[in-house]
Amino acid sequence: MARLVVPTVTVQGSFLAAWDEWGVEAERWMGAEAFVGGEEEQWSREEAADPGEFRRLVEGIVGAAEPGAVLAAGIVPYTMLWFVEGDEWLGRLSIRHELTPHLLELGGHIGYGVRPSARRRGYATQMLVQALPVAAELGIDPALVTCDADNVASRKVIEAAGGELEDERHGKLRFWVATKLK
């Protein structure tokens, strides 16, 4: 069964295969950036192929969620989780622990992406539903989740997870999703 996990080096091969599927947009969707010693680092596809560099990437991603993590200016603390089935990397999800004015307008608390070859299988909905208790543990309730106004698939994901539409701003639909069971 596919599940959200703390990033791990065991999925390096399928992580790189997913990166290849995404192509030019991969830098954004793969989450190939992390904060090491308070400095933002970004990894290219070639760098992430090196086991040592991939380990550094994973450690940096995991470290961003630790209390007291030193992040770059303007970056809020966040928890990134990977959606995997066995050693197969299917996608990633980020939970921002707080909202800046910009995130309140456009980005929200939770963002997610599913690798192209794994889409249309319900994974995005599973990811979002599995993330809600994690967000609740972080003190987030409700969570703001946004999507492009013309992204019907993402809208359906958010609604399936219990999202209630508040409004549209700057081409983004803004939904509030309860993270705690009532």
C-alpha atoms as a PDB file:
ATOM      1  CA  MET A   1       0.000   0.000   0.000  1.00  0.00           C
ATOM      2  CA  ALA A   2       1.273   3.457  -0.877  1.00  0.00           C
ATOM      3  CA  ARG A   3       1.952   5.780   2.045  1.00  0.00           C
ATOM      4  CA  LEU A   4       3.564   9.031   3.046  1.00  0.00           C
ATOM      5  CA  VAL A   5       7.018   8.584   4.573  1.00  0.00           C
ATOM      6  CA  VAL A   6       9.896  10.712   5.744  1.00  0.00           C
ATOM      7  CA  PRO A   7      12.250  11.077   2.743  1.00  0.00           C
ATOM      8  CA  THR A   8      14.648   8.153   2.454  1.00  0.00           C
ATOM      9  CA  VAL A   9      17.642   7.218   0.315  1.00  0.00           C
ATOM     10  CA  THR A  10      16.093   3.805  -0.441  1.00  0.00           C
ATOM     11  CA  VAL A  11      14.004   5.290  -3.262  1.00  0.00           C
ATOM     12  CA  GLN A  12      16.846   7.031  -5.109  1.00  0.00           C
ATOM     13  CA  GLY A  13      16.421   5.049  -8.347  1.00  0.00           C
ATOM     14  CA  SER A  14      12.700   5.668  -8.696  1.00  0.00           C
ATOM     15  CA  PHE A  15      13.116   9.285  -7.526  1.00  0.00           C
ATOM     16  CA  LEU A  16      15.498   9.840 -10.457  1.00  0.00           C
ATOM     17  CA  ALA A  17      13.152   8.026 -12.865  1.00  0.00           C
ATOM     18  CA  ALA A  18      10.310  10.300 -11.730  1.00  0.00           C
ATOM     19  CA  TRP A  19      12.570  13.310 -12.261  1.00  0.00           C
ATOM     20  CA  ASP A  20      13.132  12.155 -15.841  1.00  0.00           C
ATOM     21  CA  GLU A  21       9.365  11.855 -16.362  1.00  0.00           C
ATOM     22  CA  TRP A  22       8.772  15.436 -15.254  1.00  0.00           C
ATOM     23  CA  GLY A  23      11.421  16.853 -17.540  1.00  0.00           C
ATOM     24  CA  VAL A  24      12.062  20.592 -17.483  1.00  0.00           C
ATOM     25  CA  GLU A  25       9.624  21.218 -14.621  1.00  0.00           C
ATOM     26  CA  ALA A  26      11.406  18.685 -12.420  1.00  0.00           C
ATOM     27  CA  GLU A  27      13.406  21.162 -10.383  1.00  0.00           C
ATOM     28  CA  ARG A  28      10.184  22.555  -8.909  1.00  0.00           C
ATOM     29  CA  TRP A  29       8.205  19.345  -8.523  1.00  0.00           C
ATOM     30  CA  MET A  30      10.952  17.086  -7.293  1.00  0.00           C
ATOM     31  CA  GLY A  31      11.697  19.293  -4.302  1.00  0.00           C
ATOM     32  CA  ALA A  32      15.400  18.990  -5.088  1.00  0.00           C
ATOM     33  CA  GLU A  33      16.336  21.758  -2.740  1.00  0.00           C
ATOM     34  CA  ALA A  34      17.103  21.754   0.932  1.00  0.00           C
ATOM     35  CA  PHE A  35      18.632  23.878   3.634  1.00  0.00           C
ATOM     36  CA  VAL A  36      22.020  22.781   4.828  1.00  0.00           C
ATOM     37  CA  GLY A  37      23.477  24.888   7.617  1.00  0.00           C
ATOM     38  CA  GLY A  38      20.895  27.603   6.944  1.00  0.00           C
ATOM     39  CA  GLU A  39      21.912  27.936   3.302  1.00  0.00           C
ATOM     40  CA  GLU A  40      19.620  26.889   0.490  1.00  0.00           C
ATOM     41  CA  GLU A  41      21.123  24.282  -1.797  1.00  0.00           C
ATOM     42  CA  GLN A  42      19.658  22.974  -5.031  1.00  0.00           C
ATOM     43  CA  TRP A  43      20.565  19.716  -6.708  1.00  0.00           C
ATOM     44  CA  SER A  44      20.575  19.046 -10.416  1.00  0.00           C
ATOM     45  CA  ARG A  45      19.459  15.686 -11.789  1.00  0.00           C
ATOM     46  CA  GLU A  46      23.091  14.728 -12.283  1.00  0.00           C
ATOM     47  CA  GLU A  47      24.054  15.691  -8.737  1.00  0.00           C
ATOM     48  CA  ALA A  48      21.110  13.785  -7.243  1.00  0.00           C
ATOM     49  CA  ALA A  49      22.318  10.667  -9.086  1.00  0.00           C
ATOM     50  CA  ASP A  50      25.391  10.562  -6.856  1.00  0.00           C
ATOM     51  CA  PRO A  51      24.525   8.497  -3.717  1.00  0.00           C
ATOM     52  CA  GLY A  52      26.422  10.837  -1.406  1.00  0.00           C
ATOM     53  CA  GLU A  53      24.734  13.931  -2.804  1.00  0.00           C
ATOM     54  CA  PHE A  54      21.338  12.231  -2.703  1.00  0.00           C
ATOM     55  CA  ARG A  55      21.931  11.458   0.981  1.00  0.00           C
ATOM     56  CA  ARG A  56      22.761  15.151   1.578  1.00  0.00           C
ATOM     57  CA  LEU A  57      19.554  16.153  -0.228  1.00  0.00           C
ATOM     58  CA  VAL A  58      17.463  13.792   1.897  1.00  0.00           C
ATOM     59  CA  GLU A  59      19.149  14.946   5.118  1.00  0.00           C
ATOM     60  CA  GLY A  60      18.530  18.587   4.191  1.00  0.00           C
ATOM     61  CA  ILE A  61      14.856  17.974   3.415  1.00  0.00           C
ATOM     62  CA  VAL A  62      14.331  16.098   6.675  1.00  0.00           C
ATOM     63  CA  GLY A  63      16.260  18.748   8.612  1.00  0.00           C
ATOM     64  CA  ALA A  64      13.906  21.526   7.479  1.00  0.00           C
ATOM     65  CA  ALA A  65      11.138  20.000   9.586  1.00  0.00           C
ATOM     66  CA  GLU A  66      13.169  19.872  12.795  1.00  0.00           C
ATOM     67  CA  PRO A  67      12.339  22.417  15.498  1.00  0.00           C
ATOM     68  CA  GLY A  68      14.784  25.286  15.376  1.00  0.00           C
ATOM     69  CA  ALA A  69      15.896  24.547  11.809  1.00  0.00           C
ATOM     70  CA  VAL A  70      17.684  27.539  10.288  1.00  0.00           C
ATOM     71  CA  LEU A  71      16.051  28.315   6.956  1.00  0.00           C
ATOM     72  CA  ALA A  72      16.634  31.042   4.394  1.00  0.00           C
ATOM     73  CA  ALA A  73      14.867  34.376   4.802  1.00  0.00           C
ATOM     74  CA  GLY A  74      11.249  34.172   3.716  1.00  0.00           C
ATOM     75  CA  ILE A  75      11.062  30.376   3.993  1.00  0.00           C
ATOM     76  CA  VAL A  76       8.677  29.063   6.642  1.00  0.00           C
ATOM     77  CA  PRO A  77       9.335  25.787   8.455  1.00  0.00           C
ATOM     78  CA  TYR A  78       7.942  22.874   6.457  1.00  0.00           C
ATOM     79  CA  THR A  79       7.670  19.119   6.502  1.00  0.00           C
ATOM     80  CA  MET A  80       8.189  17.337   3.197  1.00  0.00           C
ATOM     81  CA  LEU A  81       6.965  13.781   2.903  1.00  0.00           C
ATOM     82  CA  TRP A  82       7.378  11.354   0.021  1.00  0.00           C
ATOM     83  CA  PHE A  83       4.618   9.095  -1.195  1.00  0.00           C
ATOM     84  CA  VAL A  84       6.034   5.636  -1.831  1.00  0.00           C
ATOM     85  CA  GLU A  85       4.982   2.073  -2.405  1.00  0.00           C
ATOM     86  CA  GLY A  86       7.867  -0.178  -1.452  1.00  0.00           C
ATOM     87  CA  ASP A  87      10.900   1.402  -3.113  1.00  0.00           C
ATOM     88  CA  GLU A  88       8.778   3.190  -5.738  1.00  0.00           C
ATOM     89  CA  TRP A  89       8.699   7.001  -5.395  1.00  0.00           C
ATOM     90  CA  LEU A  90       5.233   8.166  -6.477  1.00  0.00           C
ATOM     91  CA  GLY A  91       5.167  11.787  -5.393  1.00  0.00           C
ATOM     92  CA  ARG A  92       5.829  14.349  -2.717  1.00  0.00           C
ATOM     93  CA  LEU A  93       3.837  16.521  -0.357  1.00  0.00           C
ATOM     94  CA  SER A  94       4.894  19.552   1.670  1.00  0.00           C
ATOM     95  CA  ILE A  95       3.210  20.916   4.765  1.00  0.00           C
ATOM     96  CA  ARG A  96       4.094  24.513   5.565  1.00  0.00           C
ATOM     97  CA  HIS A  97       3.909  25.010   9.318  1.00  0.00           C
ATOM     98  CA  GLU A  98       2.748  28.621   9.066  1.00  0.00           C
ATOM     99  CA  LEU A  99       1.485  31.053   6.461  1.00  0.00           C
ATOM    100  CA  THR A 100       3.093  34.263   5.276  1.00  0.00           C
ATOM    101  CA  PRO A 101       0.817  36.856   3.630  1.00  0.00           C
ATOM    102  CA  HIS A 102       1.874  35.434   0.237  1.00  0.00           C
ATOM    103  CA  LEU A 103       1.115  31.840   1.251  1.00  0.00           C
ATOM    104  CA  LEU A 104      -2.249  32.936   2.653  1.00  0.00           C
ATOM    105  CA  GLU A 105      -3.152  34.346  -0.758  1.00  0.00           C
ATOM    106  CA  LEU A 106      -1.649  31.773  -3.108  1.00  0.00           C
ATOM    107  CA  GLY A 107       0.267  28.844  -1.650  1.00  0.00           C
ATOM    108  CA  GLY A 108      -1.535  27.510   1.391  1.00  0.00           C
ATOM    109  CA  HIS A 109      -0.336  25.011   3.974  1.00  0.00           C
ATOM    110  CA  ILE A 110      -0.157  21.903   1.791  1.00  0.00           C
ATOM    111  CA  GLY A 111       1.200  21.353  -1.710  1.00  0.00           C
ATOM    112  CA  TYR A 112       1.625  18.046  -3.522  1.00  0.00           C
ATOM    113  CA  GLY A 113       2.676  16.494  -6.803  1.00  0.00           C
ATOM    114  CA  VAL A 114       2.363  13.003  -8.299  1.00  0.00           C
ATOM    115  CA  ARG A 115       4.845  11.725 -10.871  1.00  0.00           C
ATOM    116  CA  PRO A 116       3.311  11.647 -14.376  1.00  0.00           C
ATOM    117  CA  SER A 117       3.283   7.841 -14.757  1.00  0.00           C
ATOM    118  CA  ALA A 118       1.394   7.444 -11.447  1.00  0.00           C
ATOM    119  CA  ARG A 119      -1.407   9.929 -12.098  1.00  0.00           C
ATOM    120  CA  ARG A 120      -5.105   9.103 -12.371  1.00  0.00           C
ATOM    121  CA  ARG A 121      -4.881   6.370  -9.724  1.00  0.00           C
ATOM    122  CA  GLY A 122      -6.156   8.341  -6.733  1.00  0.00           C
ATOM    123  CA  TYR A 123      -2.705   8.880  -5.262  1.00  0.00           C
ATOM    124  CA  ALA A 124      -3.058  12.652  -4.838  1.00  0.00           C
ATOM    125  CA  THR A 125      -6.225  12.162  -2.801  1.00  0.00           C
ATOM    126  CA  GLN A 126      -4.538   9.470  -0.700  1.00  0.00           C
ATOM    127  CA  MET A 127      -1.573  11.776  -0.114  1.00  0.00           C
ATOM    128  CA  LEU A 128      -3.711  14.691   0.999  1.00  0.00           C
ATOM    129  CA  VAL A 129      -5.899  12.550   3.274  1.00  0.00           C
ATOM    130  CA  GLN A 130      -2.828  10.918   4.848  1.00  0.00           C
ATOM    131  CA  ALA A 131      -1.258  14.359   5.407  1.00  0.00           C
ATOM    132  CA  LEU A 132      -4.177  15.791   7.376  1.00  0.00           C
ATOM    133  CA  PRO A 133      -3.331  14.070  10.708  1.00  0.00           C
ATOM    134  CA  VAL A 134       0.292  15.184  10.285  1.00  0.00           C
ATOM    135  CA  ALA A 135      -0.884  18.770   9.806  1.00  0.00           C
ATOM    136  CA  ALA A 136      -3.084  18.427  12.898  1.00  0.00           C
ATOM    137  CA  GLU A 137      -0.067  17.256  14.935  1.00  0.00           C
ATOM    138  CA  LEU A 138       1.717  20.431  13.780  1.00  0.00           C
ATOM    139  CA  GLY A 139      -1.145  22.507  15.182  1.00  0.00           C
ATOM    140  CA  ILE A 140      -2.701  23.308  11.801  1.00  0.00           C
ATOM    141  CA  ASP A 141      -6.502  23.168  11.744  1.00  0.00           C
ATOM    142  CA  PRO A 142      -7.938  23.853   9.318  1.00  0.00           C
ATOM    143  CA  ALA A 143      -5.356  23.678   6.538  1.00  0.00           C
ATOM    144  CA  LEU A 144      -5.428  25.992   3.556  1.00  0.00           C
ATOM    145  CA  VAL A 145      -4.981  24.106   0.263  1.00  0.00           C
ATOM    146  CA  THR A 146      -4.985  25.936  -3.058  1.00  0.00           C
ATOM    147  CA  CYS A 147      -5.023  25.004  -6.728  1.00  0.00           C
ATOM    148  CA  ASP A 148      -5.163  26.786 -10.049  1.00  0.00           C
ATOM    149  CA  ALA A 149      -8.739  27.725 -10.919  1.00  0.00           C
ATOM    150  CA  ASP A 150      -8.570  25.647 -14.116  1.00  0.00           C
ATOM    151  CA  ASN A 151      -7.056  22.542 -12.459  1.00  0.00           C
ATOM    152  CA  VAL A 152     -10.151  20.348 -12.255  1.00  0.00           C
ATOM    153  CA  ALA A 153      -8.217  17.267 -11.101  1.00  0.00           C
ATOM    154  CA  SER A 154      -6.646  19.069  -8.152  1.00  0.00           C
ATOM    155  CA  ARG A 155      -9.965  20.648  -7.219  1.00  0.00           C
ATOM    156  CA  LYS A 156     -11.529  17.177  -7.071  1.00  0.00           C
ATOM    157  CA  VAL A 157      -8.643  15.951  -4.882  1.00  0.00           C
ATOM    158  CA  ILE A 158      -9.131  18.785  -2.390  1.00  0.00           C
ATOM    159  CA  GLU A 159     -12.907  18.356  -2.316  1.00  0.00           C
ATOM    160  CA  ALA A 160     -12.561  14.575  -1.837  1.00  0.00           C
ATOM    161  CA  ALA A 161     -10.407  15.302   1.227  1.00  0.00           C
ATOM    162  CA  GLY A 162     -13.160  17.499   2.667  1.00  0.00           C
ATOM    163  CA  GLY A 163     -12.004  20.854   1.345  1.00  0.00           C
ATOM    164  CA  GLU A 164     -14.530  23.676   1.432  1.00  0.00           C
ATOM    165  CA  LEU A 165     -14.091  26.433  -1.129  1.00  0.00           C
ATOM    166  CA  GLU A 166     -13.659  29.880   0.387  1.00  0.00           C
ATOM    167  CA  ASP A 167     -12.951  31.940  -2.725  1.00  0.00           C
ATOM    168  CA  GLU A 168     -10.766  32.536  -5.777  1.00  0.00           C
ATOM    169  CA  ARG A 169      -7.842  34.939  -5.674  1.00  0.00           C
ATOM    170  CA  HIS A 170      -5.343  35.664  -8.417  1.00  0.00           C
ATOM    171  CA  GLY A 171      -6.442  32.596 -10.414  1.00  0.00           C
ATOM    172  CA  LYS A 172      -6.167  30.279  -7.381  1.00  0.00           C
ATOM    173  CA  LEU A 173      -9.028  28.505  -5.652  1.00  0.00           C
ATOM    174  CA  ARG A 174      -8.637  28.560  -1.868  1.00  0.00           C
ATOM    175  CA  PHE A 175     -10.024  25.664   0.170  1.00  0.00           C
ATOM    176  CA  TRP A 176     -10.021  25.044   3.917  1.00  0.00           C
ATOM    177  CA  VAL A 177      -9.705  21.411   4.971  1.00  0.00           C
ATOM    178  CA  ALA A 178     -10.311  20.203   8.520  1.00  0.00           C
ATOM    179  CA  THR A 179      -7.328  18.241   9.832  1.00  0.00           C
ATOM    180  CA  LYS A 180      -8.940  16.887  12.981  1.00  0.00           C
ATOM    181  CA  LEU A 181     -11.728  14.340  13.120  1.00  0.00           C
ATOM    182  CA  LYS A 182     -14.934  15.846  14.385  1.00  0.00           C
END
